[in-house]
Protein backbone atom coordinates (compact mmCIF):
# COMPACT_ATOMS: atom_id res chain seq x y z
CA UNK A 1 60.16 73.22 114.09
CA UNK A 2 61.30 70.76 111.42
CA UNK A 3 63.40 72.14 108.61
CA UNK A 4 61.31 70.70 105.76
CA UNK A 5 59.35 73.21 103.72
CA UNK A 6 57.36 70.81 101.58
CA UNK A 7 53.71 71.72 101.51
CA UNK A 8 50.59 69.70 100.69
CA UNK A 9 48.30 70.92 97.97
CA UNK A 10 45.45 73.35 98.65
CA UNK A 11 42.03 72.17 99.79
CA UNK A 12 39.68 70.90 97.12
CA UNK A 13 38.05 74.29 96.68
CA UNK A 14 37.43 77.63 98.33
CA UNK A 15 35.42 77.69 101.53
CA UNK A 16 33.69 80.58 103.20
CA UNK A 17 35.13 81.84 106.42
CA UNK A 18 33.77 80.69 109.74
CA UNK A 19 32.53 83.42 112.05
CA UNK A 20 34.08 83.85 115.48
CA UNK A 21 31.61 82.87 118.16
CA UNK A 22 30.11 84.86 120.96
CA UNK A 23 32.66 83.50 123.44
CA UNK A 24 35.05 86.17 122.22
CA UNK A 25 32.45 88.87 122.65
CA UNK A 26 32.26 89.38 118.89
CA UNK A 27 28.79 89.88 117.47
CA UNK A 28 27.67 87.38 114.85
CA UNK A 29 28.94 88.44 111.46
CA UNK A 30 31.31 91.02 112.93
CA UNK A 31 34.41 89.24 111.75
CA UNK A 32 34.83 86.81 108.88
CA UNK A 33 37.91 84.73 108.60
CA UNK A 34 39.42 82.64 105.83
CA UNK A 35 39.94 82.91 102.10
CA UNK A 36 39.71 85.84 99.74
CA UNK A 37 37.35 85.09 96.83
CA UNK A 38 40.20 84.82 94.30
CA UNK A 39 42.54 82.74 96.46
CA UNK A 40 42.45 79.74 94.13
CA UNK A 41 42.92 81.57 90.86
CA UNK A 42 45.83 80.45 88.72
CA UNK A 43 48.87 81.02 90.89
CA UNK A 44 52.23 82.69 90.47
CA UNK A 45 55.67 82.14 91.87
CA UNK A 46 56.69 85.70 92.59
CA UNK A 47 60.17 86.54 91.26
CA UNK A 48 61.59 87.83 94.57
CA UNK A 49 61.31 86.53 98.13
CA UNK A 50 63.67 88.29 100.54
CA UNK A 51 64.03 88.34 104.31
CA UNK A 52 65.70 90.65 106.80
CA UNK A 53 66.52 90.56 110.48
CA UNK A 54 66.32 94.24 111.41
CA UNK A 55 68.81 94.89 114.21
CA UNK A 56 68.03 97.53 116.82
CA UNK A 57 70.25 100.55 116.13
CA UNK A 58 72.81 101.08 118.86
CA UNK A 59 72.21 97.68 120.48
CA UNK A 60 73.91 94.28 120.09
CA UNK A 61 73.04 92.42 116.92
CA UNK A 62 69.77 90.48 117.11
CA UNK A 63 70.29 86.76 117.64
CA UNK A 64 68.00 84.82 115.34
CA UNK A 65 67.94 81.62 113.33
CA UNK A 66 66.93 83.81 110.37
CA UNK A 67 70.39 85.35 110.36
CA UNK A 68 71.51 82.00 108.93
CA UNK A 69 70.94 82.03 105.16
CA UNK A 70 70.61 78.24 105.26
CA UNK A 71 67.39 78.69 107.23
CA UNK A 72 66.10 81.09 104.60
CA UNK A 73 67.06 78.72 101.80
CA UNK A 74 65.18 75.91 103.54
CA UNK A 75 62.08 78.17 103.49
CA UNK A 76 62.60 78.73 99.74
CA UNK A 77 63.80 82.33 100.03
CA UNK A 78 66.08 83.53 97.27
CA UNK A 79 67.67 86.49 99.02
CA UNK A 80 68.83 87.82 102.37
CA UNK A 81 68.80 91.53 103.22
CA UNK A 82 71.62 92.17 105.67
CA UNK A 83 70.92 95.09 107.95
CA UNK A 84 73.36 95.84 110.75
CA UNK A 85 73.37 99.60 110.05
CA UNK A 86 76.95 99.25 108.81
CA UNK A 87 76.27 99.26 105.06
CA UNK A 88 78.89 98.47 102.41
CA UNK A 89 79.73 102.09 101.71
CA UNK A 90 80.92 102.38 105.32
CA UNK A 91 83.33 99.53 104.56
CA UNK A 92 85.29 101.18 101.75
CA UNK A 93 88.26 103.52 102.16
CA UNK A 94 87.25 106.34 99.77
CA UNK A 95 90.81 106.27 98.46
CA UNK A 96 89.50 107.12 94.99
CA UNK A 97 88.07 110.33 96.47
CA UNK A 98 90.87 111.35 98.83
CA UNK A 99 93.46 109.11 100.51
CA UNK A 100 93.33 111.34 103.57
CA UNK A 101 89.80 110.09 104.36
CA UNK A 102 90.92 106.97 106.24
CA UNK A 103 94.72 107.13 106.59
CA UNK A 104 96.61 103.86 106.77
CA UNK A 105 97.23 102.80 110.36
CA UNK A 106 94.45 104.95 111.81
CA UNK A 107 91.73 103.68 114.13
CA UNK A 108 89.12 104.69 111.58
CA UNK A 109 90.86 102.71 108.83
CA UNK A 110 90.99 99.62 111.05
CA UNK A 111 87.25 99.95 111.75
CA UNK A 112 86.47 100.19 108.03
CA UNK A 113 88.60 97.13 107.22
CA UNK A 114 86.98 95.11 110.00
CA UNK A 115 83.55 96.09 108.70
CA UNK A 116 84.61 94.96 105.23
CA UNK A 117 85.55 91.53 106.55
CA UNK A 118 82.08 91.23 108.13
CA UNK A 119 80.48 92.03 104.80
CA UNK A 120 82.69 89.50 103.03
CA UNK A 121 81.50 86.87 105.50
CA UNK A 122 77.84 87.75 104.94
CA UNK A 123 78.22 87.45 101.18
CA UNK A 124 80.06 84.13 101.44
CA UNK A 125 77.46 82.61 103.76
CA UNK A 126 74.55 83.68 101.58
CA UNK A 127 76.12 82.36 98.41
CA UNK A 128 77.11 79.09 100.09
CA UNK A 129 73.42 78.64 100.96
CA UNK A 130 72.44 79.36 97.37
CA UNK A 131 70.71 82.69 97.93
CA UNK A 132 71.50 86.29 97.07
CA UNK A 133 73.04 88.88 99.39
CA UNK A 134 71.45 92.33 99.45
CA UNK A 135 72.54 95.11 101.80
CA UNK A 136 70.32 97.61 103.55
CA UNK A 137 71.86 101.00 102.80
CA UNK A 138 71.08 104.40 104.28
CA UNK A 139 71.84 107.38 102.08
CA UNK A 140 73.36 109.88 102.78
CA UNK A 141 76.11 108.43 105.02
CA UNK A 142 79.64 109.69 104.42
CA UNK A 143 82.92 109.73 106.37
CA UNK A 144 83.18 112.55 108.89
CA UNK A 145 86.70 113.24 107.65
CA UNK A 146 85.39 113.77 104.13
CA UNK A 147 82.99 116.42 105.39
CA UNK A 148 85.90 118.12 107.17
CA UNK A 149 87.88 118.14 103.92
CA UNK A 150 85.15 119.10 101.46
CA UNK A 151 82.31 120.53 103.52
CA UNK A 152 82.22 123.81 101.58
CA UNK A 153 81.51 121.79 98.42
CA UNK A 154 79.01 119.35 99.98
CA UNK A 155 76.82 121.26 102.41
CA UNK A 156 73.84 123.47 101.68
CA UNK A 157 72.98 126.71 103.46
CA UNK A 158 71.42 124.73 106.33
CA UNK A 159 74.51 122.60 106.89
CA UNK A 160 73.05 119.45 105.27
CA UNK A 161 74.97 117.25 102.87
CA UNK A 162 73.15 118.00 99.63
CA UNK A 163 72.77 115.94 96.49
CA UNK A 164 72.21 119.22 94.71
CA UNK A 165 75.91 120.05 95.07
CA UNK A 166 77.88 118.60 92.13
CA UNK A 167 80.71 117.43 94.37
CA UNK A 168 78.27 115.34 96.43
CA UNK A 169 77.05 113.50 93.34
CA UNK A 170 80.62 112.93 92.18
CA UNK A 171 81.61 111.47 95.56
CA UNK A 172 78.61 109.16 95.55
CA UNK A 173 79.52 107.85 92.09
CA UNK A 174 83.06 107.11 93.20
CA UNK A 175 81.77 105.61 96.45
CA UNK A 176 79.45 103.18 94.64
CA UNK A 177 82.21 102.14 92.27
CA UNK A 178 84.48 101.42 95.23
CA UNK A 179 81.71 99.36 96.84
CA UNK A 180 81.29 97.07 93.84
CA UNK A 181 85.02 96.86 93.22
CA UNK A 182 85.64 95.84 96.84
CA UNK A 183 82.57 93.59 97.09
CA UNK A 184 81.93 92.11 93.64
CA UNK A 185 79.78 89.39 95.17
CA UNK A 186 77.08 91.74 96.40
CA UNK A 187 73.86 90.99 94.54
CA UNK A 188 72.24 94.34 95.17
CA UNK A 189 71.46 97.25 97.45
CA UNK A 190 68.29 98.18 99.33
CA UNK A 191 68.24 101.95 99.59
CA UNK A 192 66.55 103.85 102.40
CA UNK A 193 66.08 107.61 102.56
CA UNK A 194 64.30 109.70 105.16
CA UNK A 195 65.81 108.04 108.21
CA UNK A 196 69.57 107.94 108.73
CA UNK A 197 70.78 105.80 111.62
CA UNK A 198 74.36 106.56 112.63
CA UNK A 199 74.52 104.71 115.97
CA UNK A 200 76.66 101.87 114.55
CA UNK A 201 79.05 103.91 112.37
CA UNK A 202 81.30 105.98 114.66
CA UNK A 203 83.40 107.46 111.86
CA UNK A 204 80.55 108.52 109.58
CA UNK A 205 77.84 111.14 109.51
CA UNK A 206 74.87 111.83 107.28
CA UNK A 207 71.36 113.09 106.75
CA UNK A 208 68.22 112.65 104.70
CA UNK A 209 69.11 113.22 101.02
CA UNK A 210 65.59 114.38 100.15
CA UNK A 211 66.14 118.06 100.88
CA UNK A 212 64.25 119.44 97.85
CA UNK A 213 61.38 117.03 97.39
CA UNK A 214 60.83 115.35 94.03
CA UNK A 215 63.93 116.88 92.48
CA UNK A 216 66.11 115.21 95.14
CA UNK A 217 64.47 111.85 94.46
CA UNK A 218 65.13 112.37 90.74
CA UNK A 219 68.82 113.09 91.24
CA UNK A 220 69.27 110.09 93.54
CA UNK A 221 67.31 107.63 91.42
CA UNK A 222 69.16 108.53 88.24
CA UNK A 223 72.51 108.24 90.01
CA UNK A 224 71.64 104.86 91.53
CA UNK A 225 70.13 103.45 88.35
CA UNK A 226 73.26 104.39 86.39
CA UNK A 227 75.79 103.13 88.92
CA UNK A 228 74.04 100.11 90.46
CA UNK A 229 71.87 98.69 87.68
CA UNK A 230 73.56 99.78 84.44
CA UNK A 231 77.24 100.03 85.31
CA UNK A 232 77.53 97.34 88.00
CA UNK A 233 74.71 95.08 86.82
CA UNK A 234 73.33 94.73 90.37
CA UNK A 235 69.79 94.86 91.71
CA UNK A 236 68.54 98.09 93.22
CA UNK A 237 65.55 98.04 95.56
CA UNK A 238 64.59 101.64 96.23
CA UNK A 239 62.46 101.95 99.34
CA UNK A 240 59.65 104.48 99.18
CA UNK A 241 59.51 104.69 102.99
CA UNK A 242 60.19 108.28 103.90
CA UNK A 243 59.67 110.72 106.73
CA UNK A 244 59.60 114.46 107.19
CA UNK A 245 56.51 115.10 105.09
CA UNK A 246 57.71 113.38 101.92
CA UNK A 247 54.75 111.44 100.48
CA UNK A 248 56.51 108.99 98.19
CA UNK A 249 55.43 106.21 100.55
CA UNK A 250 51.65 106.63 100.19
CA UNK A 251 50.62 109.29 97.63
CA UNK A 252 49.88 107.71 94.22
CA UNK A 253 50.11 110.99 92.31
CA UNK A 254 53.44 111.92 93.90
CA UNK A 255 54.76 108.39 93.46
CA UNK A 256 53.93 108.53 89.75
CA UNK A 257 55.36 112.04 89.40
CA UNK A 258 58.69 110.87 90.82
CA UNK A 259 59.02 107.38 89.39
CA UNK A 260 57.49 107.79 85.93
CA UNK A 261 60.41 110.02 84.95
CA UNK A 262 62.86 107.17 85.54
CA UNK A 263 63.36 104.73 82.71
CA UNK A 264 62.48 101.18 83.81
CA UNK A 265 65.30 98.68 84.18
CA UNK A 266 65.08 94.97 84.87
CA UNK A 267 67.23 95.37 87.96
CA UNK A 268 65.45 98.43 89.38
CA UNK A 269 62.51 97.75 91.71
CA UNK A 270 60.65 99.86 94.22
CA UNK A 271 60.14 98.46 97.72
CA UNK A 272 56.87 99.54 99.35
CA UNK A 273 55.35 98.82 102.76
CA UNK A 274 51.99 97.08 102.33
CA UNK A 275 50.46 99.73 104.61
CA UNK A 276 50.03 103.35 103.56
CA UNK A 277 52.29 104.46 106.42
CA UNK A 278 54.05 102.41 109.07
CA UNK A 279 53.14 98.81 109.99
CA UNK A 280 49.89 99.62 111.81
CA UNK A 281 46.40 98.19 111.74
CA UNK A 282 43.62 100.59 110.63
CA UNK A 283 46.05 102.15 108.12
CA UNK A 284 44.82 101.52 104.54
CA UNK A 285 46.43 99.16 102.11
CA UNK A 286 49.14 101.09 100.29
CA UNK A 287 47.60 102.70 97.17
CA UNK A 288 50.99 103.02 95.47
CA UNK A 289 51.27 99.24 95.11
CA UNK A 290 50.45 98.04 91.62
CA UNK A 291 50.74 101.39 89.82
CA UNK A 292 53.34 103.11 87.66
CA UNK A 293 56.05 101.88 85.28
CA UNK A 294 58.31 99.89 87.59
CA UNK A 295 58.22 96.50 89.27
CA UNK A 296 57.66 96.49 93.02
CA UNK A 297 58.09 94.31 96.07
CA UNK A 298 55.95 94.56 99.20
CA UNK A 299 57.47 94.91 102.67
CA UNK A 300 55.88 92.86 105.48
CA UNK A 301 56.87 93.08 109.15
CA UNK A 302 56.41 89.68 110.81
CA UNK A 303 57.06 90.75 114.43
CA UNK A 304 55.36 94.10 114.49
CA UNK A 305 57.05 96.75 116.62
CA UNK A 306 53.68 98.23 117.61
CA UNK A 307 52.17 94.85 118.51
CA UNK A 308 54.58 93.16 120.95
CA UNK A 309 57.27 92.05 118.48
CA UNK A 310 56.40 88.35 118.60
CA UNK A 311 56.07 88.18 122.39
CA UNK A 312 52.48 86.96 121.96
CA UNK A 313 50.41 85.61 119.06
CA UNK A 314 49.92 88.27 116.38
CA UNK A 315 48.96 86.66 113.08
CA UNK A 316 49.21 89.23 110.31
CA UNK A 317 49.58 87.07 107.17
CA UNK A 318 45.81 86.72 106.64
CA UNK A 319 45.35 90.49 106.75
CA UNK A 320 48.38 91.21 104.58
CA UNK A 321 47.29 88.75 101.89
CA UNK A 322 43.50 88.96 102.05
CA UNK A 323 42.92 92.35 103.68
CA UNK A 324 42.43 93.15 107.34
CA UNK A 325 39.02 92.98 108.94
CA UNK A 326 38.74 96.77 109.19
CA UNK A 327 39.37 97.37 105.47
CA UNK A 328 36.34 98.34 103.38
CA UNK A 329 34.82 95.74 101.07
CA UNK A 330 32.82 95.93 97.86
CA UNK A 331 33.38 97.21 94.36
CA UNK A 332 35.41 100.34 93.88
CA UNK A 333 37.38 100.01 97.10
CA UNK A 334 40.64 99.07 95.38
CA UNK A 335 43.07 96.37 96.51
CA UNK A 336 42.66 95.20 100.11
CA UNK A 337 45.63 92.83 100.24
CA UNK A 338 48.44 91.32 98.23
CA UNK A 339 46.15 88.65 96.76
CA UNK A 340 44.47 91.44 94.76
CA UNK A 341 47.82 92.16 93.05
CA UNK A 342 48.65 88.61 91.97
CA UNK A 343 47.64 89.23 88.36
CA UNK A 344 49.47 92.57 88.19
CA UNK A 345 52.84 92.17 86.42
CA UNK A 346 54.30 95.04 88.46
CA UNK A 347 53.94 93.00 91.64
CA UNK A 348 57.24 91.13 91.74
CA UNK A 349 57.74 89.85 95.25
CA UNK A 350 57.67 90.02 99.02
CA UNK A 351 60.28 91.19 101.49
CA UNK A 352 59.59 89.88 104.99
CA UNK A 353 61.12 91.36 108.09
CA UNK A 354 61.27 88.18 110.13
CA UNK A 355 62.57 90.10 113.15
CA UNK A 356 62.99 93.68 114.12
CA UNK A 357 61.92 97.20 113.47
CA UNK A 358 61.51 99.87 116.11
CA UNK A 359 63.54 100.19 119.28
CA UNK A 360 64.24 98.26 122.47
CA UNK A 361 61.99 95.32 123.44
CA UNK A 362 60.09 93.24 124.15
CA UNK A 363 62.98 90.84 123.61
CA UNK A 364 61.96 87.32 122.66
CA UNK A 365 63.73 83.99 122.98
CA UNK A 366 61.22 81.93 120.96
CA UNK A 367 60.49 82.89 117.36
CA UNK A 368 57.29 80.84 117.03
CA UNK A 369 55.02 83.70 115.96
CA UNK A 370 57.60 85.31 113.69
CA UNK A 371 58.01 81.90 112.09
CA UNK A 372 54.31 81.44 111.42
CA UNK A 373 53.97 84.84 109.73
CA UNK A 374 57.10 84.60 107.58
CA UNK A 375 56.54 80.96 106.63
CA UNK A 376 52.96 81.60 105.48
CA UNK A 377 54.08 84.67 103.54
CA UNK A 378 56.88 82.66 101.96
CA UNK A 379 54.66 79.71 100.99
CA UNK A 380 52.07 82.00 99.49
CA UNK A 381 54.74 83.96 97.58
CA UNK A 382 56.15 80.77 96.09
CA UNK A 383 52.68 79.53 95.01
CA UNK A 384 49.89 82.07 95.31
CA UNK A 385 47.37 79.43 94.22
CA UNK A 386 47.64 77.95 97.71
CA UNK A 387 45.83 80.95 99.10
CA UNK A 388 46.61 82.20 102.57
CA UNK A 389 44.51 79.49 104.19
CA UNK A 390 46.24 76.76 102.24
CA UNK A 391 49.64 78.10 103.26
CA UNK A 392 48.51 78.33 106.89
CA UNK A 393 47.26 74.75 106.93
CA UNK A 394 50.52 73.59 105.39
CA UNK A 395 52.37 75.24 108.27
CA UNK A 396 50.06 73.60 110.79
CA UNK A 397 50.67 70.17 109.25
CA UNK A 398 54.41 70.85 109.27
CA UNK A 399 54.13 71.62 113.00
CA UNK A 400 52.54 68.21 113.61
CA UNK A 401 48.86 69.23 113.75
CA UNK A 402 45.94 67.49 112.09
CA UNK A 403 42.17 67.48 112.16
CA UNK A 404 40.47 69.65 114.77
CA UNK A 405 43.84 70.80 116.14
CA UNK A 406 44.50 72.62 112.85
CA UNK A 407 41.17 74.42 113.18
CA UNK A 408 41.93 75.39 116.76
CA UNK A 409 45.35 76.70 115.76
CA UNK A 410 43.80 78.76 112.98
CA UNK A 411 41.12 80.12 115.28
CA UNK A 412 43.79 81.12 117.78
CA UNK A 413 45.78 82.88 115.07
CA UNK A 414 42.80 84.79 113.72
CA UNK A 415 41.58 85.67 117.21
CA UNK A 416 45.01 87.16 117.93
CA UNK A 417 44.47 89.59 115.06
CA UNK A 418 40.99 90.48 116.30
CA UNK A 419 42.22 90.96 119.87
CA UNK A 420 45.12 93.14 118.75
CA UNK A 421 42.80 95.36 116.73
CA UNK A 422 40.47 95.95 119.67
CA UNK A 423 43.20 96.17 122.30
CA UNK A 424 45.72 98.49 120.66
CA UNK A 425 43.58 100.17 118.03
CA UNK A 426 39.79 100.60 117.76
CA UNK A 427 36.83 99.73 115.58
CA UNK A 428 34.94 102.78 116.87
CA UNK A 429 37.10 105.77 115.97
CA UNK A 430 40.42 106.16 114.15
CA UNK A 431 43.20 106.22 116.74
CA UNK A 432 44.98 109.57 116.46
CA UNK A 433 48.17 108.63 118.32
CA UNK A 434 48.94 105.18 116.93
CA UNK A 435 52.23 105.25 118.81
CA UNK A 436 50.53 105.48 122.23
CA UNK A 437 51.92 101.99 122.72
CA UNK A 438 54.92 100.80 120.79
CA UNK A 439 57.97 98.62 121.38
CA UNK A 440 58.00 97.87 125.14
CA UNK A 441 56.24 101.07 126.15
CA UNK A 442 52.67 101.88 127.27
CA UNK A 443 51.57 105.48 127.07
CA UNK A 444 48.96 107.03 129.32
CA UNK A 445 46.30 109.68 129.79
CA UNK A 446 48.93 112.14 130.96
CA UNK A 447 50.42 112.59 127.48
CA UNK A 448 50.13 110.05 124.66
CA UNK A 449 46.41 109.29 124.93
CA UNK A 450 45.17 112.86 125.40
CA UNK A 451 44.16 113.42 121.74
CA UNK A 452 42.28 110.13 121.61
CA UNK A 453 40.59 110.57 124.97
CA UNK A 454 39.43 114.02 123.88
CA UNK A 455 37.98 112.52 120.68
CA UNK A 456 36.29 109.65 122.53
CA UNK A 457 34.73 112.03 125.05
CA UNK A 458 33.60 114.46 122.34
CA UNK A 459 31.91 111.62 120.44
CA UNK A 460 30.16 110.34 123.56
CA UNK A 461 31.84 106.95 123.23
CA UNK A 462 33.47 106.50 126.63
CA UNK A 463 31.51 103.39 127.61
CA UNK A 464 31.79 101.89 124.14
CA UNK A 465 35.57 102.42 124.07
CA UNK A 466 35.95 100.76 127.45
CA UNK A 467 33.70 97.89 126.39
CA UNK A 468 35.94 97.37 123.37
CA UNK A 469 39.03 97.05 125.57
CA UNK A 470 37.13 94.57 127.78
CA UNK A 471 36.20 92.64 124.65
CA UNK A 472 39.88 92.48 123.67
CA UNK A 473 40.74 90.97 127.06
CA UNK A 474 37.98 88.35 126.60
CA UNK A 475 39.36 87.46 123.19
CA UNK A 476 42.74 86.86 124.78
CA UNK A 477 41.12 84.65 127.40
CA UNK A 478 39.83 82.47 124.58
CA UNK A 479 43.27 82.52 122.91
CA UNK A 480 44.75 81.20 126.17
CA UNK A 481 42.18 78.42 126.38
CA UNK A 482 42.87 77.36 122.80
CA UNK A 483 46.63 77.38 123.39
CA UNK A 484 46.24 74.67 126.00
CA UNK A 485 44.58 72.38 123.42
CA UNK A 486 47.02 72.62 120.49
CA UNK A 487 49.54 69.74 120.52
CA UNK A 488 52.45 71.15 118.51
CA UNK A 489 54.98 68.42 117.80
CA UNK A 490 57.91 70.32 119.29
CA UNK A 491 57.57 70.36 123.09
CA UNK A 492 59.34 73.69 123.49
CA UNK A 493 57.07 75.29 120.91
CA UNK A 494 54.03 73.73 122.57
CA UNK A 495 54.98 75.20 125.93
CA UNK A 496 55.82 78.55 124.44
CA UNK A 497 52.47 78.62 122.67
CA UNK A 498 50.84 78.48 126.10
CA UNK A 499 53.23 80.97 127.71
CA UNK A 500 53.00 83.51 124.88
CA UNK A 501 49.19 83.31 124.83
CA UNK A 502 49.22 84.19 128.52
CA UNK A 503 51.64 87.02 127.78
CA UNK A 504 49.05 88.43 125.40
CA UNK A 505 46.31 87.98 127.97
CA UNK A 506 48.33 89.92 130.55
CA UNK A 507 49.24 92.68 128.09
CA UNK A 508 45.69 93.31 126.95
CA UNK A 509 44.28 92.87 130.45
CA UNK A 510 46.70 95.55 131.64
CA UNK A 511 45.48 97.79 128.82
CA UNK A 512 41.83 97.01 129.67
CA UNK A 513 42.22 97.83 133.37
CA UNK A 514 44.49 100.80 132.68
CA UNK A 515 41.97 102.33 130.29
CA UNK A 516 39.12 101.80 132.78
CA UNK A 517 41.03 103.89 135.29
CA UNK A 518 42.50 106.47 132.92
CA UNK A 519 39.59 107.21 130.60
CA UNK A 520 37.05 107.38 133.42
CA UNK A 521 39.40 109.58 135.42
CA UNK A 522 40.21 111.78 132.43
CA UNK A 523 36.52 112.49 131.87
CA UNK A 524 35.99 113.45 135.51
CA UNK A 525 34.69 110.26 137.05
CA UNK A 526 35.79 109.12 140.50
CA UNK A 527 34.12 105.82 141.34
CA UNK A 528 34.23 102.42 142.97
CA UNK A 529 34.54 100.98 139.46
CA UNK A 530 37.84 102.76 139.08
CA UNK A 531 39.06 101.42 142.44
CA UNK A 532 38.20 97.89 141.31
CA UNK A 533 40.26 98.33 138.16
CA UNK A 534 43.20 99.84 140.04
CA UNK A 535 43.34 96.63 142.08
CA UNK A 536 42.97 94.51 138.94
CA UNK A 537 45.79 96.52 137.31
CA UNK A 538 48.09 95.72 140.23
CA UNK A 539 47.13 92.04 140.20
CA UNK A 540 47.72 91.80 136.45
CA UNK A 541 51.26 93.19 136.68
CA UNK A 542 52.12 90.92 139.61
CA UNK A 543 50.85 87.89 137.71
CA UNK A 544 52.63 88.98 134.52
CA UNK A 545 55.95 89.23 136.37
CA UNK A 546 55.34 85.79 137.86
CA UNK A 547 54.81 84.40 134.33
CA UNK A 548 58.18 85.83 133.27
CA UNK A 549 59.94 84.54 136.36
CA UNK A 550 58.63 80.99 135.95
CA UNK A 551 59.02 80.48 132.21
CA UNK A 552 62.35 81.07 130.44
CA UNK A 553 60.70 81.36 127.03
CA UNK A 554 58.60 84.32 128.17
CA UNK A 555 59.56 87.57 126.48
CA UNK A 556 60.73 90.54 128.51
CA UNK A 557 57.82 92.55 129.85
CA UNK A 558 56.46 95.89 128.79
CA UNK A 559 57.18 98.98 130.87
CA UNK A 560 54.15 101.00 132.07
CA UNK A 561 55.90 104.12 130.78
CA UNK A 562 55.64 106.08 127.54
CA UNK A 563 58.07 106.23 124.64
CA UNK A 564 60.74 108.73 125.63
CA UNK A 565 63.83 110.41 124.22
CA UNK A 566 67.12 109.11 122.90
CA UNK A 567 69.91 108.39 125.34
CA UNK A 568 73.57 109.30 124.88
CA UNK A 569 73.99 106.36 122.47
CA UNK A 570 71.08 107.43 120.29
CA UNK A 571 68.70 104.71 121.55
CA UNK A 572 65.20 105.57 122.76
CA UNK A 573 64.44 105.16 126.45
CA UNK A 574 61.26 105.16 128.50
CA UNK A 575 59.72 108.46 129.52
CA UNK A 576 60.16 108.30 133.32
CA UNK A 577 57.48 110.90 134.01
CA UNK A 578 54.63 109.81 131.74
CA UNK A 579 52.84 106.62 130.77
CA UNK A 580 50.15 104.22 131.84
CA UNK A 581 51.74 103.52 135.20
CA UNK A 582 52.08 107.18 136.28
CA UNK A 583 48.57 107.85 134.96
CA UNK A 584 47.01 105.01 136.97
CA UNK A 585 48.98 106.09 140.03
CA UNK A 586 47.67 109.65 139.63
CA UNK A 587 44.08 108.47 139.85
CA UNK A 588 44.97 105.96 142.57
CA UNK A 589 46.02 108.88 144.77
CA UNK A 590 42.92 110.88 143.94
CA UNK A 591 40.67 107.91 144.72
CA UNK A 592 42.44 107.42 148.06
CA UNK A 593 42.10 111.07 149.06
């Protein structure tokens, strides 16, 4: 793709969305696509536009053009979030706490100093490109040696490092002061609580700091505001993402109860996923966006870990900005997308995750679909008056398309969203186990899909659920046909467009045939229909492997196994005993008996 990020102006006025035709199996009026009603209101340039390549914990660093801050600057980003799970506080010596922490000449000291040089390089590259450097930071992460020395002053009765111990707070103050003394060029920190990844920091340990609910948040926020914003004059982006039952991420009342107690500061912002949980479809727009006393930025994953990670078309920018198809409409429903927040002064920016999130693969070599999502989000963030459709058309023009080819490209993109919804999720019933497929894994009727298959059977929706998966496969057939008729300027991108569309067709065909076997078998059926789909399942996987073998740009394939447990390095592996493959094979044997 060309490096230019100049965009033409928006169309002359708003247009209603065109309806997907019957060729996709979508009923007339079932899906409307295009502009939100307010897309051409007076626009804003949002104050913050950040991007992050999210490396897989415990694996080699992700190779991506978006690691280069010059690429981000060319897209008009103003900041890079560096996330290698080796944050700046793992690159200081803690000499101001205790010189015994990392003794001179030790292996641990050498690791810390090498990590510091990496951080220096990141800061220098970002500043040379003219953008800010912000570092993804898990708290609590402290040196193992420090816990050995002061554990009786740091740990609670359950053996957790506790912010409610005075010595822990003191150490964190000294730690933050060392960070900004050692790395004065850092522009800010992005703080995560609730998940603590230690795979990449061999000399450190840690845990979730939120051990006592709202009071833990209060202690941490006050500490960070004082040390990062007030004392150091740096930006603090406090992520509300949390796990373990903490509801800061999606409960408006709890969010207000925690954050309203903290005095606003120009350099303190809260970072909130646009979904009211993880980056899933069918999950509501996050109700904590646009409320409270503090400015906020919205987090957007551009290569969704639950939706093939950019291995096939998966256009999410329309849904993020305008609201996804499955969101309710009408008065009183609240915001559906980021366009509904444009006039809210608390809404201060967008943080895209151009790559990453989750674990393992699929691993991609072409970033075409990541690029489309992040570029449209970036264009819209820089000038919301463009509307999502205006930003999309600007990308299409940049890619060398014009006239009917632009319309075909847009139809393909929007169909990808419709096919993903019907293939992974459902328009019939809420999916109970949204993680039944994630990363490179496909769960089955032997474990992951049991709750949903029980619900489908209880509701009498077996045939409708299977028809929906067949509809998804038909949508992907149309996506593949469109891909062959879109002349992207770059030949490699043009070929990958075709290959990745076929990847999506194979993925959702495998799901379609797998469900036909599994759901029918789970509900007691044994039929010729199932035998037909067992054969089609086998054919699909053979063809999918052939696609990967013949085309270097093809992403690595899914595994027909469920999401398993962590290995010795702390990285999740496939479940060798459960998944779509073992489930289909179970019914294959029964049908052959």
